[in-house]
Amino acid sequence: MIPTTTLNNGITMPQLGFGVFQVPNLDECEAAVTAALRAGYRLIDTATAYQNEAAVGRAIQKSGLNRDELFITSKLWVSEFTYERAQQGIDDSLRRLGLDYMDLYLLHQPYGDVMGAWRALEEAYQAGKIRAIGVSNFYADQLKNLELTMAVQPVVNQIEVNPWYQQSEEVAFNQHENVQVEAWAPFAEGKHAIFSHPTIQSIAQAHGKTTGQVILRWLLQRGITVIPKSVHPERMAENIAVFDFELTALEMTAMAELDLGVSQFFDHRDPVTIEQIFGASLRQLHE
């Protein structure tokens, strides 16, 4: 049984889940989610941009699990960040997933008509289509602006957190605001030989665990929810077996010293990056 955390609207969320980013092949995604559910995962994290909501939905329908045993998250892409488009986007996600409601729905990026899209999420939340609403990739000032402007506070902020990019100040701010931090890319996609780093390996050997398990445990002990991805059942089983040991204070300090302070992917505040990655979607808002 995976422990849960209570969000600021009172609902509970598993502390560890299963992500399906970069699994666009629908058959592979369905098989991966099926294997994850069999392994004991109950939080499944997808997104409109991942183009695999339908596969996640099929795996859920075939699992035989009761709906209330599951915690299903998806995300709205910036091309749908207006009030009207967000309303349709929510319904489209529900349709593709084959669900009557989602447990958590996030604004995937802090660009475009964030306030209009958030208003649609608030209405869907009040209507029972979504049990909780949140954001992804929002920096502290962007989160505070949303909190001060809108009626419903986000429950989750899903951001990049891994040993190379620990985001201590951002994590602390979210936790001060009672917004649950959820880490994407906890393994930094293997960058800088993360699975063979001597510090992490030494801690792993001390506990009879793998380096991946140490990384997940480190995040959990920081109060961060985590959603590792794998298409391999043996790795799924490994990732979920992290609740039977605990890092010492010295080990947590050693992990903290690994921080490079730089995103391992891209700077969400760099205008050139925003234009390159999100510009086409943002231009659609004005069509």
Foldseek 3Di string as FASTA:
>chain_A
DADWDAFPVGDIDGLEAAEDAPVQPLVLSLLLLLLLVVLPGAEYEEEVVSNHLLSQLVSVVPNPDDPVSHAYEYEYELLQQAQVSLLVVLVVSCVSSVHQAHAEYEHEALDANNVRNVVNVVVCCVVRRYVFYAYEPDALVSQVVNVVPDDDHHREYEYADELQAHPVVRCVSCVVVRHAYEHDPHCLVCPPVQQPPPLLCVQCVVVVAGSLLSSLQLCVVSRHRYHDYDSDSVVSNRNSPNPPDHDDPVSNVSSNVSYNNDRSPDDSPDVVVCCVPPVVSNVSVVD
